[in-house]
PDB file of N, CA and C in Angstrom:
ATOM      1  N   MET A   1     115.673  95.113  67.737  1.00  0.00           N
ATOM      2  CA  MET A   1     115.484  93.522  68.081  1.00  0.00           C
ATOM      3  C   MET A   1     115.401  93.803  69.757  1.00  0.00           C
ATOM      4  N   ARG A   2     114.377  92.365  70.361  1.00  0.00           N
ATOM      5  CA  ARG A   2     113.903  92.191  71.261  1.00  0.00           C
ATOM      6  C   ARG A   2     115.613  91.545  71.853  1.00  0.00           C
ATOM      7  N   ALA A   3     116.250  91.564  73.142  1.00  0.00           N
ATOM      8  CA  ALA A   3     117.045  90.467  73.756  1.00  0.00           C
ATOM      9  C   ALA A   3     116.709  89.111  73.785  1.00  0.00           C
ATOM     10  N   ALA A   4     114.963  89.134  74.248  1.00  0.00           N
ATOM     11  CA  ALA A   4     114.645  87.756  73.945  1.00  0.00           C
ATOM     12  C   ALA A   4     115.191  86.529  72.795  1.00  0.00           C
ATOM     13  N   ASP A   5     114.611  87.861  72.060  1.00  0.00           N
ATOM     14  CA  ASP A   5     115.298  87.190  70.766  1.00  0.00           C
ATOM     15  C   ASP A   5     116.406  86.730  69.815  1.00  0.00           C
ATOM     16  N   VAL A   6     117.935  86.834  70.616  1.00  0.00           N
ATOM     17  CA  VAL A   6     119.129  86.999  70.698  1.00  0.00           C
ATOM     18  C   VAL A   6     119.266  84.984  71.103  1.00  0.00           C
ATOM     19  N   ALA A   7     119.605  84.601  70.121  1.00  0.00           N
ATOM     20  CA  ALA A   7     120.105  83.352  70.514  1.00  0.00           C
ATOM     21  C   ALA A   7     121.535  83.437  71.247  1.00  0.00           C
ATOM     22  N   ILE A   8     122.388  83.596  69.955  1.00  0.00           N
ATOM     23  CA  ILE A   8     123.730  83.688  69.850  1.00  0.00           C
ATOM     24  C   ILE A   8     124.801  84.952  69.720  1.00  0.00           C
ATOM     25  N   ARG A   9     125.448  85.608  70.763  1.00  0.00           N
ATOM     26  CA  ARG A   9     125.692  86.728  71.192  1.00  0.00           C
ATOM     27  C   ARG A   9     126.827  87.207  69.805  1.00  0.00           C
ATOM     28  N   LYS A  10     127.516  87.881  69.655  1.00  0.00           N
ATOM     29  CA  LYS A  10     128.432  88.586  68.611  1.00  0.00           C
ATOM     30  C   LYS A  10     129.203  87.729  68.823  1.00  0.00           C
ATOM     31  N   ASN A  11     129.931  87.410  70.022  1.00  0.00           N
ATOM     32  CA  ASN A  11     131.244  87.540  70.446  1.00  0.00           C
ATOM     33  C   ASN A  11     131.108  85.491  70.483  1.00  0.00           C
ATOM     34  N   GLY A  12     129.707  84.806  70.273  1.00  0.00           N
ATOM     35  CA  GLY A  12     130.052  83.599  69.852  1.00  0.00           C
ATOM     36  C   GLY A  12     128.779  82.667  70.927  1.00  0.00           C
ATOM     37  N   GLN A  13     129.383  83.546  71.984  1.00  0.00           N
ATOM     38  CA  GLN A  13     128.469  82.279  73.416  1.00  0.00           C
ATOM     39  C   GLN A  13     126.768  82.292  73.176  1.00  0.00           C
ATOM     40  N   PRO A  14     126.275  81.334  73.823  1.00  0.00           N
ATOM     41  CA  PRO A  14     124.961  81.453  74.043  1.00  0.00           C
ATOM     42  C   PRO A  14     123.940  82.384  74.629  1.00  0.00           C
ATOM     43  N   SER A  15     123.101  83.133  74.688  1.00  0.00           N
ATOM     44  CA  SER A  15     122.310  83.975  75.399  1.00  0.00           C
ATOM     45  C   SER A  15     121.899  83.552  76.554  1.00  0.00           C
ATOM     46  N   GLU A  16     121.641  84.145  77.386  1.00  0.00           N
ATOM     47  CA  GLU A  16     121.134  83.760  78.803  1.00  0.00           C
ATOM     48  C   GLU A  16     120.014  82.821  79.001  1.00  0.00           C
ATOM     49  N   PHE A  17     119.406  83.312  77.484  1.00  0.00           N
ATOM     50  CA  PHE A  17     118.105  82.602  77.609  1.00  0.00           C
ATOM     51  C   PHE A  17     118.359  81.085  76.897  1.00  0.00           C
ATOM     52  N   ILE A  18     118.787  80.785  76.206  1.00  0.00           N
ATOM     53  CA  ILE A  18     119.184  79.853  75.563  1.00  0.00           C
ATOM     54  C   ILE A  18     120.794  79.192  76.855  1.00  0.00           C
ATOM     55  N   ARG A  19     120.676  79.295  77.521  1.00  0.00           N
ATOM     56  CA  ARG A  19     121.692  79.145  78.368  1.00  0.00           C
ATOM     57  C   ARG A  19     120.769  78.157  79.519  1.00  0.00           C
ATOM     58  N   LYS A  20     119.295  79.392  79.629  1.00  0.00           N
ATOM     59  CA  LYS A  20     118.973  78.592  80.867  1.00  0.00           C
ATOM     60  C   LYS A  20     117.360  77.451  79.987  1.00  0.00           C
ATOM     61  N   TYR A  21     117.060  77.205  78.762  1.00  0.00           N
ATOM     62  CA  TYR A  21     116.752  77.216  77.932  1.00  0.00           C
ATOM     63  C   TYR A  21     117.506  75.722  77.775  1.00  0.00           C
ATOM     64  N   GLY A  22     119.040  75.439  78.075  1.00  0.00           N
ATOM     65  CA  GLY A  22     119.122  74.279  78.002  1.00  0.00           C
ATOM     66  C   GLY A  22     119.401  73.747  78.894  1.00  0.00           C
ATOM     67  N   ALA A  23     119.631  74.356  80.033  1.00  0.00           N
ATOM     68  CA  ALA A  23     119.324  73.874  81.544  1.00  0.00           C
ATOM     69  C   ALA A  23     118.438  72.924  82.153  1.00  0.00           C
ATOM     70  N   ALA A  24     117.221  72.974  81.306  1.00  0.00           N
ATOM     71  CA  ALA A  24     115.891  72.736  81.810  1.00  0.00           C
ATOM     72  C   ALA A  24     115.526  71.957  81.227  1.00  0.00           C
ATOM     73  N   MET A  25     116.457  71.514  79.553  1.00  0.00           N
ATOM     74  CA  MET A  25     116.031  70.696  79.146  1.00  0.00           C
ATOM     75  C   MET A  25     116.791  69.396  79.314  1.00  0.00           C
ATOM     76  N   GLU A  26     117.875  69.377  79.921  1.00  0.00           N
ATOM     77  CA  GLU A  26     118.816  68.635  80.345  1.00  0.00           C
ATOM     78  C   GLU A  26     118.598  68.046  81.809  1.00  0.00           C
ATOM     79  N   ARG A  27     117.609  68.627  83.005  1.00  0.00           N
ATOM     80  CA  ARG A  27     116.782  68.000  83.695  1.00  0.00           C
ATOM     81  C   ARG A  27     115.814  67.747  83.358  1.00  0.00           C
ATOM     82  N   LEU A  28     115.150  67.499  82.098  1.00  0.00           N
ATOM     83  CA  LEU A  28     114.491  66.470  81.546  1.00  0.00           C
ATOM     84  C   LEU A  28     114.540  65.365  80.531  1.00  0.00           C
ATOM     85  N   SER A  29     115.912  65.364  80.766  1.00  0.00           N
ATOM     86  CA  SER A  29     116.774  64.606  79.938  1.00  0.00           C
ATOM     87  C   SER A  29     117.098  63.598  80.947  1.00  0.00           C
ATOM     88  N   GLY A  30     116.919  61.647  80.346  1.00  0.00           N
ATOM     89  CA  GLY A  30     117.644  60.744  81.071  1.00  0.00           C
ATOM     90  C   GLY A  30     116.921  59.664  81.524  1.00  0.00           C
ATOM     91  N   ARG A  31     115.878  60.026  81.226  1.00  0.00           N
ATOM     92  CA  ARG A  31     114.940  58.538  82.417  1.00  0.00           C
ATOM     93  C   ARG A  31     115.712  57.062  81.847  1.00  0.00           C
ATOM     94  N   LYS A  32     116.087  56.737  82.437  1.00  0.00           N
ATOM     95  CA  LYS A  32     116.486  55.247  82.564  1.00  0.00           C
ATOM     96  C   LYS A  32     115.900  54.183  82.357  1.00  0.00           C
ATOM     97  N   ASP A  33     114.398  54.201  82.911  1.00  0.00           N
ATOM     98  CA  ASP A  33     113.406  52.789  82.945  1.00  0.00           C
ATOM     99  C   ASP A  33     112.038  53.899  82.664  1.00  0.00           C
ATOM    100  N   LEU A  34     110.862  52.543  82.064  1.00  0.00           N
ATOM    101  CA  LEU A  34     109.346  52.912  82.316  1.00  0.00           C
ATOM    102  C   LEU A  34     109.017  53.357  83.340  1.00  0.00           C
ATOM    103  N   ARG A  35     109.363  52.968  85.032  1.00  0.00           N
ATOM    104  CA  ARG A  35     108.454  53.664  86.116  1.00  0.00           C
ATOM    105  C   ARG A  35     110.234  54.549  86.675  1.00  0.00           C
ATOM    106  N   ASP A  36     110.852  55.029  85.970  1.00  0.00           N
ATOM    107  CA  ASP A  36     111.621  55.934  86.141  1.00  0.00           C
ATOM    108  C   ASP A  36     110.780  57.464  86.519  1.00  0.00           C
ATOM    109  N   ASP A  37     111.544  58.621  86.503  1.00  0.00           N
ATOM    110  CA  ASP A  37     110.806  59.640  87.246  1.00  0.00           C
ATOM    111  C   ASP A  37     109.623  59.718  85.150  1.00  0.00           C
ATOM    112  N   SER A  38     108.902  59.677  85.298  1.00  0.00           N
ATOM    113  CA  SER A  38     107.474  59.955  84.327  1.00  0.00           C
ATOM    114  C   SER A  38     107.808  61.339  83.446  1.00  0.00           C
ATOM    115  N   SER A  39     108.041  62.473  84.840  1.00  0.00           N
ATOM    116  CA  SER A  39     108.045  63.484  83.885  1.00  0.00           C
ATOM    117  C   SER A  39     109.121  64.222  83.160  1.00  0.00           C
ATOM    118  N   ARG A  40     110.373  62.653  83.178  1.00  0.00           N
ATOM    119  CA  ARG A  40     111.496  62.736  82.575  1.00  0.00           C
ATOM    120  C   ARG A  40     111.403  62.337  80.785  1.00  0.00           C
ATOM    121  N   TYR A  41     112.758  62.326  80.048  1.00  0.00           N
ATOM    122  CA  TYR A  41     111.981  61.997  78.953  1.00  0.00           C
ATOM    123  C   TYR A  41     113.513  61.120  78.172  1.00  0.00           C
ATOM    124  N   GLU A  42     113.326  60.141  77.585  1.00  0.00           N
ATOM    125  CA  GLU A  42     114.849  58.952  77.690  1.00  0.00           C
ATOM    126  C   GLU A  42     115.968  60.091  76.797  1.00  0.00           C
ATOM    127  N   ALA A  43     115.602  61.295  75.839  1.00  0.00           N
ATOM    128  CA  ALA A  43     116.728  61.963  74.963  1.00  0.00           C
ATOM    129  C   ALA A  43     116.267  63.442  75.041  1.00  0.00           C
ATOM    130  N   ILE A  44     117.111  64.020  74.910  1.00  0.00           N
ATOM    131  CA  ILE A  44     116.129  65.322  74.099  1.00  0.00           C
ATOM    132  C   ILE A  44     117.639  65.968  73.853  1.00  0.00           C
ATOM    133  N   ALA A  45     116.996  66.462  72.589  1.00  0.00           N
ATOM    134  CA  ALA A  45     118.308  66.929  71.479  1.00  0.00           C
ATOM    135  C   ALA A  45     118.185  68.551  71.830  1.00  0.00           C
ATOM    136  N   LEU A  46     119.373  69.544  71.319  1.00  0.00           N
ATOM    137  CA  LEU A  46     119.011  71.306  71.326  1.00  0.00           C
ATOM    138  C   LEU A  46     119.753  71.483  70.677  1.00  0.00           C
ATOM    139  N   LEU A  47     119.238  71.754  68.885  1.00  0.00           N
ATOM    140  CA  LEU A  47     120.730  72.054  68.157  1.00  0.00           C
ATOM    141  C   LEU A  47     119.504  73.076  67.695  1.00  0.00           C
ATOM    142  N   VAL A  48     120.903  73.925  67.532  1.00  0.00           N
ATOM    143  CA  VAL A  48     121.344  75.521  67.454  1.00  0.00           C
ATOM    144  C   VAL A  48     121.538  75.416  66.128  1.00  0.00           C
ATOM    145  N   VAL A  49     120.684  76.409  65.049  1.00  0.00           N
ATOM    146  CA  VAL A  49     120.799  76.277  63.922  1.00  0.00           C
ATOM    147  C   VAL A  49     121.471  78.272  63.592  1.00  0.00           C
ATOM    148  N   GLU A  50     122.551  78.304  62.256  1.00  0.00           N
ATOM    149  CA  GLU A  50     122.937  79.287  61.607  1.00  0.00           C
ATOM    150  C   GLU A  50     121.159  80.503  61.238  1.00  0.00           C
ATOM    151  N   GLY A  51     120.899  81.703  61.888  1.00  0.00           N
ATOM    152  CA  GLY A  51     120.280  82.772  61.236  1.00  0.00           C
ATOM    153  C   GLY A  51     120.233  83.541  59.739  1.00  0.00           C
ATOM    154  N   ALA A  52     121.640  83.630  60.442  1.00  0.00           N
ATOM    155  CA  ALA A  52     122.420  84.801  58.938  1.00  0.00           C
ATOM    156  C   ALA A  52     122.412  84.094  57.962  1.00  0.00           C
ATOM    157  N   ASP A  53     122.359  85.178  56.411  1.00  0.00           N
ATOM    158  CA  ASP A  53     121.821  84.533  55.625  1.00  0.00           C
ATOM    159  C   ASP A  53     123.232  83.516  54.618  1.00  0.00           C
ATOM    160  N   LYS A  54     124.578  84.058  55.507  1.00  0.00           N
ATOM    161  CA  LYS A  54     125.846  82.731  54.540  1.00  0.00           C
ATOM    162  C   LYS A  54     125.655  81.469  55.227  1.00  0.00           C
ATOM    163  N   GLY A  55     125.117  81.332  56.556  1.00  0.00           N
ATOM    164  CA  GLY A  55     124.655  79.921  56.342  1.00  0.00           C
ATOM    165  C   GLY A  55     123.023  80.165  57.292  1.00  0.00           C
ATOM    166  N   ILE A  56     122.618  80.334  56.961  1.00  0.00           N
ATOM    167  CA  ILE A  56     121.172  80.349  57.195  1.00  0.00           C
ATOM    168  C   ILE A  56     120.807  78.555  57.017  1.00  0.00           C
ATOM    169  N   GLY A  57     120.490  78.210  58.788  1.00  0.00           N
ATOM    170  CA  GLY A  57     119.959  76.797  58.658  1.00  0.00           C
ATOM    171  C   GLY A  57     120.948  75.766  59.102  1.00  0.00           C
ATOM    172  N   ASN A  58     122.090  75.754  59.087  1.00  0.00           N
ATOM    173  CA  ASN A  58     123.759  75.234  59.018  1.00  0.00           C
ATOM    174  C   ASN A  58     123.188  75.321  60.617  1.00  0.00           C
ATOM    175  N   ALA A  59     123.621  73.675  61.337  1.00  0.00           N
ATOM    176  CA  ALA A  59     123.915  73.732  62.942  1.00  0.00           C
ATOM    177  C   ALA A  59     124.890  74.247  63.111  1.00  0.00           C
ATOM    178  N   LEU A  60     125.390  74.510  64.360  1.00  0.00           N
ATOM    179  CA  LEU A  60     125.924  75.248  65.080  1.00  0.00           C
ATOM    180  C   LEU A  60     126.307  74.587  65.894  1.00  0.00           C
ATOM    181  N   ALA A  61     128.363  73.722  65.659  1.00  0.00           N
ATOM    182  CA  ALA A  61     128.938  73.443  66.011  1.00  0.00           C
ATOM    183  C   ALA A  61     129.327  73.248  67.556  1.00  0.00           C
ATOM    184  N   ASP A  62     129.395  74.346  67.907  1.00  0.00           N
ATOM    185  CA  ASP A  62     129.223  75.100  69.358  1.00  0.00           C
ATOM    186  C   ASP A  62     128.878  74.719  70.618  1.00  0.00           C
ATOM    187  N   HIS A  63     127.235  74.165  69.848  1.00  0.00           N
ATOM    188  CA  HIS A  63     126.316  75.114  70.871  1.00  0.00           C
ATOM    189  C   HIS A  63     124.966  73.617  70.836  1.00  0.00           C
ATOM    190  N   PRO A  64     124.921  73.280  71.154  1.00  0.00           N
ATOM    191  CA  PRO A  64     124.922  72.479  73.040  1.00  0.00           C
ATOM    192  C   PRO A  64     126.716  72.384  73.030  1.00  0.00           C
ATOM    193  N   GLU A  65     127.029  72.834  73.694  1.00  0.00           N
ATOM    194  CA  GLU A  65     128.933  72.836  74.098  1.00  0.00           C
ATOM    195  C   GLU A  65     129.427  70.972  74.088  1.00  0.00           C
ATOM    196  N   PRO A  66     130.508  71.072  73.441  1.00  0.00           N
ATOM    197  CA  PRO A  66     130.655  69.058  73.478  1.00  0.00           C
ATOM    198  C   PRO A  66     130.549  68.957  75.226  1.00  0.00           C
ATOM    199  N   GLY A  67     130.200  67.508  75.126  1.00  0.00           N
ATOM    200  CA  GLY A  67     130.217  66.720  75.759  1.00  0.00           C
ATOM    201  C   GLY A  67     128.247  67.025  76.421  1.00  0.00           C
ATOM    202  N   SER A  68     128.117  67.796  76.173  1.00  0.00           N
ATOM    203  CA  SER A  68     126.422  67.626  76.567  1.00  0.00           C
ATOM    204  C   SER A  68     125.592  66.840  76.383  1.00  0.00           C
ATOM    205  N   GLN A  69     124.573  66.232  76.892  1.00  0.00           N
ATOM    206  CA  GLN A  69     123.909  65.691  76.633  1.00  0.00           C
ATOM    207  C   GLN A  69     122.628  65.819  75.869  1.00  0.00           C
ATOM    208  N   LEU A  70     122.519  66.769  75.270  1.00  0.00           N
ATOM    209  CA  LEU A  70     121.267  67.623  74.876  1.00  0.00           C
ATOM    210  C   LEU A  70     121.609  67.876  73.310  1.00  0.00           C
ATOM    211  N   ARG A  71     123.424  67.718  73.200  1.00  0.00           N
ATOM    212  CA  ARG A  71     124.284  67.279  71.625  1.00  0.00           C
ATOM    213  C   ARG A  71     123.241  66.279  70.446  1.00  0.00           C
ATOM    214  N   PHE A  72     123.233  66.733  69.649  1.00  0.00           N
ATOM    215  CA  PHE A  72     122.037  65.705  68.434  1.00  0.00           C
ATOM    216  C   PHE A  72     122.435  64.814  68.039  1.00  0.00           C
ATOM    217  N   GLU A  73     123.688  64.634  68.105  1.00  0.00           N
ATOM    218  CA  GLU A  73     124.864  63.283  67.568  1.00  0.00           C
ATOM    219  C   GLU A  73     124.917  62.047  68.614  1.00  0.00           C
ATOM    220  N   GLU A  74     123.424  62.294  69.584  1.00  0.00           N
ATOM    221  CA  GLU A  74     124.204  61.326  70.565  1.00  0.00           C
ATOM    222  C   GLU A  74     122.310  60.789  70.685  1.00  0.00           C
ATOM    223  N   PHE A  75     121.513  61.941  70.000  1.00  0.00           N
ATOM    224  CA  PHE A  75     120.302  61.640  70.529  1.00  0.00           C
ATOM    225  C   PHE A  75     119.542  60.044  70.270  1.00  0.00           C
ATOM    226  N   PHE A  76     120.268  59.904  68.934  1.00  0.00           N
ATOM    227  CA  PHE A  76     119.444  58.535  68.294  1.00  0.00           C
ATOM    228  C   PHE A  76     119.777  57.427  68.991  1.00  0.00           C
ATOM    229  N   ALA A  77     120.983  56.925  68.739  1.00  0.00           N
ATOM    230  CA  ALA A  77     121.813  56.085  70.130  1.00  0.00           C
ATOM    231  C   ALA A  77     121.554  56.507  71.264  1.00  0.00           C
ATOM    232  N   THR A  78     121.370  56.975  71.584  1.00  0.00           N
ATOM    233  CA  THR A  78     120.117  56.834  73.489  1.00  0.00           C
ATOM    234  C   THR A  78     119.000  56.032  73.474  1.00  0.00           C
ATOM    235  N   ILE A  79     118.039  57.027  72.462  1.00  0.00           N
ATOM    236  CA  ILE A  79     116.831  56.149  71.968  1.00  0.00           C
ATOM    237  C   ILE A  79     116.814  54.928  71.691  1.00  0.00           C
ATOM    238  N   TYR A  80     117.733  54.202  70.628  1.00  0.00           N
ATOM    239  CA  TYR A  80     117.823  52.889  70.146  1.00  0.00           C
ATOM    240  C   TYR A  80     118.005  52.859  71.466  1.00  0.00           C
ATOM    241  N   ARG A  81     119.382  53.053  71.988  1.00  0.00           N
ATOM    242  CA  ARG A  81     119.845  52.016  73.549  1.00  0.00           C
ATOM    243  C   ARG A  81     118.906  51.612  74.613  1.00  0.00           C
ATOM    244  N   GLN A  82     118.451  52.842  74.837  1.00  0.00           N
ATOM    245  CA  GLN A  82     116.449  52.472  75.852  1.00  0.00           C
ATOM    246  C   GLN A  82     115.968  51.403  75.547  1.00  0.00           C
ATOM    247  N   TYR A  83     115.424  51.605  74.141  1.00  0.00           N
ATOM    248  CA  TYR A  83     115.128  50.851  73.495  1.00  0.00           C
ATOM    249  C   TYR A  83     115.293  49.456  73.284  1.00  0.00           C
ATOM    250  N   GLU A  84     116.352  49.184  73.188  1.00  0.00           N
ATOM    251  CA  GLU A  84     116.485  47.219  73.171  1.00  0.00           C
ATOM    252  C   GLU A  84     117.186  47.155  74.706  1.00  0.00           C
ATOM    253  N   LEU A  85     117.025  47.906  75.239  1.00  0.00           N
ATOM    254  CA  LEU A  85     117.406  47.199  76.867  1.00  0.00           C
ATOM    255  C   LEU A  85     116.391  47.599  77.839  1.00  0.00           C
ATOM    256  N   ARG A  86     114.740  48.465  77.376  1.00  0.00           N
ATOM    257  CA  ARG A  86     113.647  47.773  77.922  1.00  0.00           C
ATOM    258  C   ARG A  86     113.019  46.472  76.832  1.00  0.00           C
ATOM    259  N   PHE A  87     113.134  46.892  75.776  1.00  0.00           N
ATOM    260  CA  PHE A  87     112.385  46.049  74.957  1.00  0.00           C
ATOM    261  C   PHE A  87     112.197  44.898  74.510  1.00  0.00           C
ATOM    262  N   VAL A  88     114.032  44.790  74.056  1.00  0.00           N
ATOM    263  CA  VAL A  88     114.606  43.371  73.363  1.00  0.00           C
ATOM    264  C   VAL A  88     115.445  42.609  74.895  1.00  0.00           C
ATOM    265  N   TYR A  89     116.134  43.324  75.184  1.00  0.00           N
ATOM    266  CA  TYR A  89     117.109  42.606  76.299  1.00  0.00           C
ATOM    267  C   TYR A  89     115.896  42.478  77.514  1.00  0.00           C
ATOM    268  N   GLY A  90     115.220  43.528  77.685  1.00  0.00           N
ATOM    269  CA  GLY A  90     114.370  43.144  78.612  1.00  0.00           C
ATOM    270  C   GLY A  90     113.036  42.632  78.772  1.00  0.00           C
ATOM    271  N   ALA A  91     112.881  42.288  77.550  1.00  0.00           N
ATOM    272  CA  ALA A  91     111.985  40.834  77.560  1.00  0.00           C
ATOM    273  C   ALA A  91     112.426  40.403  76.231  1.00  0.00           C
ATOM    274  N   PRO A  92     112.926  38.977  76.666  1.00  0.00           N
ATOM    275  CA  PRO A  92     113.390  37.957  75.965  1.00  0.00           C
ATOM    276  C   PRO A  92     112.527  37.718  74.937  1.00  0.00           C
ATOM    277  N   ASP A  93     111.331  37.172  75.148  1.00  0.00           N
ATOM    278  CA  ASP A  93     110.493  36.151  75.012  1.00  0.00           C
ATOM    279  C   ASP A  93     110.101  37.049  73.461  1.00  0.00           C
ATOM    280  N   LEU A  94     109.729  38.203  73.549  1.00  0.00           N
ATOM    281  CA  LEU A  94     109.164  38.778  73.087  1.00  0.00           C
ATOM    282  C   LEU A  94     110.260  39.010  71.667  1.00  0.00           C
ATOM    283  N   GLN A  95     111.549  38.659  71.733  1.00  0.00           N
ATOM    284  CA  GLN A  95     112.461  39.416  70.719  1.00  0.00           C
ATOM    285  C   GLN A  95     111.523  39.686  69.335  1.00  0.00           C
ATOM    286  N   SER A  96     111.321  38.628  68.866  1.00  0.00           N
ATOM    287  CA  SER A  96     110.719  38.324  67.762  1.00  0.00           C
ATOM    288  C   SER A  96     109.930  39.826  67.066  1.00  0.00           C
ATOM    289  N   LEU A  97     108.854  40.063  68.295  1.00  0.00           N
ATOM    290  CA  LEU A  97     108.065  41.114  68.045  1.00  0.00           C
ATOM    291  C   LEU A  97     108.774  42.658  68.101  1.00  0.00           C
ATOM    292  N   THR A  98     110.049  42.747  68.763  1.00  0.00           N
ATOM    293  CA  THR A  98     110.815  43.655  69.407  1.00  0.00           C
ATOM    294  C   THR A  98     111.631  44.251  69.308  1.00  0.00           C
ATOM    295  N   ARG A  99     112.354  43.181  68.258  1.00  0.00           N
ATOM    296  CA  ARG A  99     113.934  43.468  68.170  1.00  0.00           C
ATOM    297  C   ARG A  99     113.634  44.321  66.670  1.00  0.00           C
ATOM    298  N   ARG A 100     114.888  44.735  66.852  1.00  0.00           N
ATOM    299  CA  ARG A 100     114.875  46.500  65.672  1.00  0.00           C
ATOM    300  C   ARG A 100     115.218  45.536  64.236  1.00  0.00           C
ATOM    301  N   LEU A 101     114.516  45.891  63.395  1.00  0.00           N
ATOM    302  CA  LEU A 101     114.564  45.249  61.536  1.00  0.00           C
ATOM    303  C   LEU A 101     116.341  46.361  61.330  1.00  0.00           C
ATOM    304  N   GLU A 102     116.802  45.823  60.286  1.00  0.00           N
ATOM    305  CA  GLU A 102     117.586  46.576  59.938  1.00  0.00           C
ATOM    306  C   GLU A 102     117.815  46.486  58.362  1.00  0.00           C
ATOM    307  N   TRP A 103     118.641  46.840  57.230  1.00  0.00           N
ATOM    308  CA  TRP A 103     118.616  47.234  56.148  1.00  0.00           C
ATOM    309  C   TRP A 103     119.619  46.103  56.090  1.00  0.00           C
ATOM    310  N   ASP A 104     119.062  45.562  54.770  1.00  0.00           N
ATOM    311  CA  ASP A 104     119.798  44.843  54.302  1.00  0.00           C
ATOM    312  C   ASP A 104     120.954  45.444  53.315  1.00  0.00           C
ATOM    313  N   PRO A 105     122.156  45.265  53.307  1.00  0.00           N
ATOM    314  CA  PRO A 105     123.122  45.934  52.831  1.00  0.00           C
ATOM    315  C   PRO A 105     122.977  46.172  51.307  1.00  0.00           C
ATOM    316  N   GLU A 106     122.140  45.214  50.735  1.00  0.00           N
ATOM    317  CA  GLU A 106     121.904  45.294  49.020  1.00  0.00           C
ATOM    318  C   GLU A 106     121.258  46.340  48.382  1.00  0.00           C
ATOM    319  N   SER A 107     120.439  46.476  49.546  1.00  0.00           N
ATOM    320  CA  SER A 107     118.920  46.994  49.487  1.00  0.00           C
ATOM    321  C   SER A 107     119.201  48.914  48.804  1.00  0.00           C
ATOM    322  N   PRO A 108     118.549  48.813  47.181  1.00  0.00           N
ATOM    323  CA  PRO A 108     119.542  50.143  46.781  1.00  0.00           C
ATOM    324  C   PRO A 108     118.388  51.647  47.516  1.00  0.00           C
ATOM    325  N   ALA A 109     117.998  51.384  48.436  1.00  0.00           N
ATOM    326  CA  ALA A 109     117.596  52.240  49.403  1.00  0.00           C
ATOM    327  C   ALA A 109     119.301  53.190  49.644  1.00  0.00           C
ATOM    328  N   LEU A 110     120.062  51.624  50.618  1.00  0.00           N
ATOM    329  CA  LEU A 110     121.303  52.719  50.782  1.00  0.00           C
ATOM    330  C   LEU A 110     121.992  52.868  50.142  1.00  0.00           C
ATOM    331  N   HIS A 111     122.037  52.988  48.884  1.00  0.00           N
ATOM    332  CA  HIS A 111     122.753  53.689  48.060  1.00  0.00           C
ATOM    333  C   HIS A 111     121.932  54.553  46.800  1.00  0.00           C
ATOM    334  N   GLU A 112     120.975  54.788  47.448  1.00  0.00           N
ATOM    335  CA  GLU A 112     120.037  55.800  46.191  1.00  0.00           C
ATOM    336  C   GLU A 112     120.233  57.173  47.235  1.00  0.00           C
ATOM    337  N   ILE A 113     120.001  56.927  48.519  1.00  0.00           N
ATOM    338  CA  ILE A 113     119.830  57.777  49.686  1.00  0.00           C
ATOM    339  C   ILE A 113     121.128  58.428  50.236  1.00  0.00           C
ATOM    340  N   LYS A 114     121.141  59.567  49.962  1.00  0.00           N
ATOM    341  CA  LYS A 114     122.389  60.190  51.460  1.00  0.00           C
ATOM    342  C   LYS A 114     121.859  60.268  52.603  1.00  0.00           C
ATOM    343  N   PHE A 115     122.471  59.801  53.157  1.00  0.00           N
ATOM    344  CA  PHE A 115     122.271  59.545  54.691  1.00  0.00           C
ATOM    345  C   PHE A 115     122.608  60.786  55.623  1.00  0.00           C
ATOM    346  N   GLY A 116     122.600  61.850  55.530  1.00  0.00           N
ATOM    347  CA  GLY A 116     123.649  62.816  55.591  1.00  0.00           C
ATOM    348  C   GLY A 116     124.972  62.869  56.746  1.00  0.00           C
ATOM    349  N   GLY A 117     125.546  61.988  56.634  1.00  0.00           N
ATOM    350  CA  GLY A 117     126.884  61.938  57.598  1.00  0.00           C
ATOM    351  C   GLY A 117     126.180  60.097  58.657  1.00  0.00           C
ATOM    352  N   PHE A 118     124.907  59.723  58.349  1.00  0.00           N
ATOM    353  CA  PHE A 118     124.813  58.843  59.639  1.00  0.00           C
ATOM    354  C   PHE A 118     124.953  57.162  58.586  1.00  0.00           C
ATOM    355  N   ASP A 119     125.831  56.186  59.505  1.00  0.00           N
ATOM    356  CA  ASP A 119     125.524  54.991  58.913  1.00  0.00           C
ATOM    357  C   ASP A 119     123.993  54.450  59.275  1.00  0.00           C
ATOM    358  N   ALA A 120     123.976  53.610  58.157  1.00  0.00           N
ATOM    359  CA  ALA A 120     122.509  52.838  58.339  1.00  0.00           C
ATOM    360  C   ALA A 120     123.191  52.027  58.935  1.00  0.00           C
ATOM    361  N   ARG A 121     122.342  51.302  59.908  1.00  0.00           N
ATOM    362  CA  ARG A 121     122.169  49.921  60.434  1.00  0.00           C
ATOM    363  C   ARG A 121     122.220  48.942  59.306  1.00  0.00           C
ATOM    364  N   VAL A 122     123.223  47.586  59.006  1.00  0.00           N
ATOM    365  CA  VAL A 122     122.531  47.182  58.177  1.00  0.00           C
ATOM    366  C   VAL A 122     122.978  45.548  58.831  1.00  0.00           C
ATOM    367  N   SER A 123     122.348  44.722  58.406  1.00  0.00           N
ATOM    368  CA  SER A 123     122.308  42.974  58.585  1.00  0.00           C
ATOM    369  C   SER A 123     123.377  42.884  58.278  1.00  0.00           C
ATOM    370  N   ALA A 124     123.770  41.657  59.233  1.00  0.00           N
ATOM    371  CA  ALA A 124     125.319  40.730  59.536  1.00  0.00           C
ATOM    372  C   ALA A 124     124.951  39.508  58.689  1.00  0.00           C
ATOM    373  N   GLY A 125     123.239  39.646  58.377  1.00  0.00           N
ATOM    374  CA  GLY A 125     122.838  38.198  57.722  1.00  0.00           C
ATOM    375  C   GLY A 125     122.643  37.235  59.034  1.00  0.00           C
ATOM    376  N   GLU A 126     122.161  37.492  59.586  1.00  0.00           N
ATOM    377  CA  GLU A 126     121.637  36.589  60.358  1.00  0.00           C
ATOM    378  C   GLU A 126     120.265  36.691  61.079  1.00  0.00           C
ATOM    379  N   GLU A 127     119.634  35.571  60.826  1.00  0.00           N
ATOM    380  CA  GLU A 127     118.104  36.000  62.424  1.00  0.00           C
ATOM    381  C   GLU A 127     118.275  34.946  63.405  1.00  0.00           C
TER     382      GLU A 127
END
C-alpha cells in the first residue's frame, strides 16, 4: 500500500494527506454572502468512512475532529441558514417564491421513511 492511500493511521490519527486535504477544504468554506469571496463555498463537509470489513462504510466519529467546520452534522443547517438569510429574509418581497417548504406533520412520508437520525422540518400550520 502506498502512503498516499492511507487515510487513518493505526493509532487512529488522520494521515498527513487527510490533514492537508481537510485544511484546504476549511479554507474553501465559510462564504457568507453572494459577493463574498467567489472561490469559496457556503459549506463543505468531509466524511471519512471505515474501510475495514468490520465496519465498512460507517462514518468515523472522530474525523474531522469535533468542532471542525467540516463536520457533516452541520452541513445542511449551514446551507439552509445561508439560503434563508439571502433569499428569504434578504428579499422579503420574494418570500412567496423563496420560502423553504415544510412537510405536513401528517404526511405518510414522515412515517414510512427512516431519516437516519435527522428530524424532518414540519409545518406548524401557519402560512
